[in-house]
């Protein structure tokens, strides 16, 4: 870490998540030093103007904090492959954003002295600057070794999120909960808009907007009250 507290941040993964997190940390005063190439470089350039495109090895070489935001199935192999190349550095922060993995997926990097962190913002990312506002209203699941847990929590805060500690052994259940919520919500909305269209209602998505949002808000409020009323309900995973 630099003396002024800023980190040189490198991003592996140029999909919807990585560039947004880079922009959020850049807004918090850190320096984004590079990002790997993706399928939509114009979108990345729009949210991270002037940040160079580098290969993964060079991103790791230049960075004090490496953010890995790649598809679930790619994460273990990527971390292991970079370890085989001797890329990871002692004391380097390595943070992945996958909901289902804890820090175990970063084992090859940790074995070389890197500091493993798992931080998952609970946001449906669009890959645009609009996500920055979503981050400011979101929670983030944080998993890290005890001595460095405050670092992971601080990074979640700098992303704009409120950190919630999720135990390593609870990450799979956490991921399943989020997948259930998103898949069920999307399925119900698709089914409802189709039925409204068949009923001749114009612009069924907009028609449902207020109803769906208010219903979800009420359900979330009721769920929060139920958890508060139940003294046996777990606080964290």
Protein backbone atom coordinates (compact mmCIF):
# COMPACT_ATOMS: atom_id res chain seq x y z
CA UNK A 1 0.00 0.00 0.00
CA UNK A 2 1.26 3.48 -0.78
CA UNK A 3 1.99 5.88 2.02
CA UNK A 4 -1.08 7.94 1.24
CA UNK A 5 -3.27 4.85 1.64
CA UNK A 6 -4.01 4.54 -2.06
CA UNK A 7 -3.75 1.20 -3.78
CA UNK A 8 -2.76 0.42 -7.32
CA UNK A 9 -5.80 -1.59 -8.45
CA UNK A 10 -5.73 -4.06 -11.33
CA UNK A 11 -8.81 -5.80 -12.69
CA UNK A 12 -9.01 -9.24 -14.28
CA UNK A 13 -12.38 -9.49 -15.97
CA UNK A 14 -13.94 -6.81 -18.18
CA UNK A 15 -17.56 -7.95 -17.96
CA UNK A 16 -20.31 -6.18 -16.06
CA UNK A 17 -18.72 -6.30 -12.60
CA UNK A 18 -14.99 -5.60 -12.85
CA UNK A 19 -15.03 -2.19 -14.54
CA UNK A 20 -17.74 -0.90 -12.18
CA UNK A 21 -15.78 -1.93 -9.10
CA UNK A 22 -12.71 -0.29 -10.58
CA UNK A 23 -14.65 2.92 -11.10
CA UNK A 24 -15.97 2.79 -7.53
CA UNK A 25 -12.50 2.32 -6.06
CA UNK A 26 -11.14 5.00 -8.36
CA UNK A 27 -13.78 7.33 -6.98
CA UNK A 28 -12.61 6.42 -3.47
CA UNK A 29 -9.11 7.63 -4.29
CA UNK A 30 -7.34 4.49 -5.49
CA UNK A 31 -5.50 4.27 -8.82
CA UNK A 32 -6.74 1.79 -11.42
CA UNK A 33 -3.58 0.65 -13.18
CA UNK A 34 -4.99 -1.78 -15.75
CA UNK A 35 -7.76 -4.12 -16.83
CA UNK A 36 -7.85 -7.18 -19.06
CA UNK A 37 -9.57 -6.99 -22.42
CA UNK A 38 -13.21 -8.00 -22.88
CA UNK A 39 -15.85 -8.21 -25.56
CA UNK A 40 -17.00 -4.60 -25.20
CA UNK A 41 -13.97 -2.35 -24.88
CA UNK A 42 -15.95 0.81 -25.65
CA UNK A 43 -18.12 0.22 -22.58
CA UNK A 44 -15.03 -0.36 -20.44
CA UNK A 45 -13.39 2.80 -21.80
CA UNK A 46 -16.55 4.77 -20.97
CA UNK A 47 -16.49 3.76 -17.32
CA UNK A 48 -12.69 3.62 -16.91
CA UNK A 49 -11.37 6.29 -19.27
CA UNK A 50 -7.65 6.14 -19.90
CA UNK A 51 -7.09 2.86 -18.05
CA UNK A 52 -4.81 0.63 -20.13
CA UNK A 53 -5.80 -2.82 -21.36
CA UNK A 54 -3.24 -5.39 -20.21
CA UNK A 55 -2.91 -9.15 -20.12
CA UNK A 56 -3.65 -10.85 -16.80
CA UNK A 57 0.00 -11.41 -15.94
CA UNK A 58 0.81 -7.73 -16.40
CA UNK A 59 -2.25 -6.70 -14.38
CA UNK A 60 -1.00 -8.78 -11.46
CA UNK A 61 2.57 -7.51 -11.83
CA UNK A 62 1.50 -3.86 -11.60
CA UNK A 63 -1.12 -4.13 -8.85
CA UNK A 64 -1.21 -3.94 -5.07
CA UNK A 65 -4.88 -5.03 -5.18
CA UNK A 66 -6.04 -7.45 -7.86
CA UNK A 67 -9.79 -7.75 -8.40
CA UNK A 68 -10.85 -10.95 -10.14
CA UNK A 69 -14.33 -10.71 -11.64
CA UNK A 70 -14.64 -13.68 -13.98
CA UNK A 71 -17.29 -16.39 -14.51
CA UNK A 72 -17.63 -18.92 -11.69
CA UNK A 73 -16.12 -21.85 -13.58
CA UNK A 74 -13.07 -19.86 -14.65
CA UNK A 75 -11.95 -18.59 -11.24
CA UNK A 76 -10.04 -21.59 -9.80
CA UNK A 77 -8.14 -22.32 -12.99
CA UNK A 78 -7.21 -18.67 -13.48
CA UNK A 79 -5.83 -18.32 -9.95
CA UNK A 80 -3.92 -21.61 -10.22
CA UNK A 81 -2.57 -20.77 -13.68
CA UNK A 82 -1.21 -17.42 -12.52
CA UNK A 83 0.37 -19.17 -9.54
CA UNK A 84 2.14 -21.59 -11.89
CA UNK A 85 3.59 -18.57 -13.68
CA UNK A 86 4.83 -17.17 -10.36
CA UNK A 87 2.63 -14.11 -10.70
CA UNK A 88 1.30 -13.63 -7.18
CA UNK A 89 3.33 -11.45 -4.83
CA UNK A 90 3.73 -11.62 -1.03
CA UNK A 91 1.49 -9.07 0.68
CA UNK A 92 -0.54 -8.43 -2.48
CA UNK A 93 -4.30 -8.20 -1.95
CA UNK A 94 -6.29 -10.57 -4.16
CA UNK A 95 -10.06 -10.10 -4.14
CA UNK A 96 -12.62 -12.13 -6.05
CA UNK A 97 -16.29 -11.27 -6.46
CA UNK A 98 -17.90 -14.70 -6.91
CA UNK A 99 -20.80 -15.28 -4.48
CA UNK A 100 -20.33 -19.04 -4.14
CA UNK A 101 -16.60 -19.19 -3.46
CA UNK A 102 -14.92 -18.14 -0.27
CA UNK A 103 -11.20 -17.63 0.08
CA UNK A 104 -10.47 -21.30 -0.68
CA UNK A 105 -10.60 -20.53 -4.40
CA UNK A 106 -7.64 -18.19 -3.86
CA UNK A 107 -5.52 -20.88 -2.20
CA UNK A 108 -2.75 -20.94 -4.85
CA UNK A 109 -2.30 -17.17 -4.50
CA UNK A 110 -2.35 -17.36 -0.70
CA UNK A 111 0.30 -20.10 -0.81
CA UNK A 112 2.61 -17.56 -2.47
CA UNK A 113 1.99 -14.98 0.24
CA UNK A 114 -0.89 -13.03 -1.28
CA UNK A 115 -3.77 -11.96 0.98
CA UNK A 116 -7.07 -13.60 -0.07
CA UNK A 117 -10.34 -11.68 0.14
CA UNK A 118 -13.84 -12.58 -1.10
CA UNK A 119 -16.21 -9.62 -1.50
CA UNK A 120 -19.51 -9.97 -3.34
CA UNK A 121 -21.72 -6.89 -3.73
CA UNK A 122 -25.36 -8.01 -3.83
CA UNK A 123 -26.25 -6.04 -6.94
CA UNK A 124 -27.65 -6.97 -10.36
CA UNK A 125 -24.91 -5.30 -12.40
CA UNK A 126 -25.58 -3.65 -15.75
CA UNK A 127 -21.92 -2.88 -16.42
CA UNK A 128 -22.53 0.87 -16.63
CA UNK A 129 -22.00 3.87 -14.35
CA UNK A 130 -25.60 3.48 -13.16
CA UNK A 131 -24.33 0.62 -11.00
CA UNK A 132 -22.36 3.05 -8.85
CA UNK A 133 -25.62 4.36 -7.39
CA UNK A 134 -26.79 0.79 -6.79
CA UNK A 135 -23.59 0.03 -4.89
CA UNK A 136 -24.27 2.93 -2.53
CA UNK A 137 -27.52 1.24 -1.49
CA UNK A 138 -26.25 -2.35 -1.36
CA UNK A 139 -24.73 -4.85 1.02
CA UNK A 140 -21.64 -6.91 0.28
CA UNK A 141 -20.83 -10.40 1.54
CA UNK A 142 -17.31 -10.42 2.95
CA UNK A 143 -15.16 -13.49 3.68
CA UNK A 144 -11.51 -13.27 4.71
CA UNK A 145 -9.01 -14.66 7.22
CA UNK A 146 -9.62 -13.13 10.65
CA UNK A 147 -6.52 -10.89 10.79
CA UNK A 148 -7.33 -9.24 7.44
CA UNK A 149 -11.12 -9.18 7.72
CA UNK A 150 -11.06 -5.42 8.45
CA UNK A 151 -9.28 -4.87 5.12
CA UNK A 152 -12.05 -6.70 3.24
CA UNK A 153 -14.69 -4.77 5.16
CA UNK A 154 -12.98 -1.46 4.43
CA UNK A 155 -12.82 -2.24 0.70
CA UNK A 156 -16.54 -3.08 0.71
CA UNK A 157 -17.23 0.29 2.33
CA UNK A 158 -15.06 2.04 -0.27
CA UNK A 159 -17.13 0.35 -2.97
CA UNK A 160 -20.12 2.05 -1.36
CA UNK A 161 -21.57 -1.08 0.28
CA UNK A 162 -22.35 -2.11 3.83
CA UNK A 163 -20.24 -5.20 4.59
CA UNK A 164 -21.81 -8.34 6.04
CA UNK A 165 -19.51 -11.16 7.14
CA UNK A 166 -20.36 -14.55 5.62
CA UNK A 167 -18.45 -17.57 6.91
CA UNK A 168 -16.40 -19.63 4.46
CA UNK A 169 -18.63 -22.69 4.94
CA UNK A 170 -21.75 -20.60 4.31
CA UNK A 171 -20.81 -19.17 0.92
CA UNK A 172 -22.62 -21.91 -1.03
CA UNK A 173 -25.86 -21.31 0.89
CA UNK A 174 -25.42 -17.56 0.41
CA UNK A 175 -25.02 -17.97 -3.33
CA UNK A 176 -28.06 -20.25 -3.51
CA UNK A 177 -30.17 -17.68 -1.67
CA UNK A 178 -29.22 -14.94 -4.13
CA UNK A 179 -29.75 -17.16 -7.15
CA UNK A 180 -33.17 -18.18 -5.87
CA UNK A 181 -34.22 -14.57 -5.37
CA UNK A 182 -33.04 -13.38 -8.78
CA UNK A 183 -34.22 -16.36 -10.83
CA UNK A 184 -37.63 -16.45 -9.16
CA UNK A 185 -38.13 -12.70 -9.55
CA UNK A 186 -37.18 -12.72 -13.22
CA UNK A 187 -39.34 -15.76 -13.95
CA UNK A 188 -42.42 -14.27 -12.29
CA UNK A 189 -42.01 -10.93 -14.07
CA UNK A 190 -41.60 -12.65 -17.45
CA UNK A 191 -44.71 -14.75 -16.87
CA UNK A 192 -46.77 -11.79 -15.68
CA UNK A 193 -45.77 -9.51 -18.54
CA UNK A 194 -46.61 -12.24 -21.04
CA UNK A 195 -50.10 -12.67 -19.56
CA UNK A 196 -50.69 -8.91 -19.54
CA UNK A 197 -49.62 -8.68 -23.18
CA UNK A 198 -52.07 -11.45 -24.02
CA UNK A 199 -54.74 -9.45 -22.18
CA UNK A 200 -54.02 -6.46 -24.43
CA UNK A 201 -52.31 -4.28 -21.82
CA UNK A 202 -49.81 -1.96 -23.53
CA UNK A 203 -46.25 -1.77 -22.16
CA UNK A 204 -46.80 -4.51 -19.55
CA UNK A 205 -43.38 -4.01 -17.97
CA UNK A 206 -44.11 -0.41 -17.09
CA UNK A 207 -47.63 -1.36 -16.01
CA UNK A 208 -46.23 -3.82 -13.46
CA UNK A 209 -43.43 -1.59 -12.21
CA UNK A 210 -45.14 0.09 -9.25
CA UNK A 211 -46.94 -3.10 -8.24
CA UNK A 212 -43.83 -5.27 -8.32
CA UNK A 213 -41.65 -2.75 -6.49
CA UNK A 214 -44.19 -2.12 -3.76
CA UNK A 215 -44.89 -5.83 -3.33
CA UNK A 216 -41.19 -6.66 -3.05
CA UNK A 217 -40.66 -3.80 -0.59
CA UNK A 218 -43.49 -5.10 1.60
CA UNK A 219 -42.15 -8.66 1.44
CA UNK A 220 -38.65 -7.51 2.39
CA UNK A 221 -40.01 -5.44 5.26
CA UNK A 222 -42.03 -8.38 6.55
CA UNK A 223 -39.02 -10.69 6.25
CA UNK A 224 -36.86 -8.23 8.20
CA UNK A 225 -39.47 -7.94 10.94
CA UNK A 226 -39.79 -11.72 11.21
CA UNK A 227 -36.03 -12.10 11.60
CA UNK A 228 -35.97 -9.41 14.28
CA UNK A 229 -38.84 -11.02 16.18
CA UNK A 230 -37.18 -14.45 16.12
CA UNK A 231 -34.37 -14.48 18.70
CA UNK A 232 -33.02 -17.73 17.24
CA UNK A 233 -32.60 -16.29 13.74
CA UNK A 234 -28.91 -16.19 12.69
CA UNK A 235 -27.37 -12.76 12.18
CA UNK A 236 -24.71 -13.87 9.73
CA UNK A 237 -24.10 -16.91 7.59
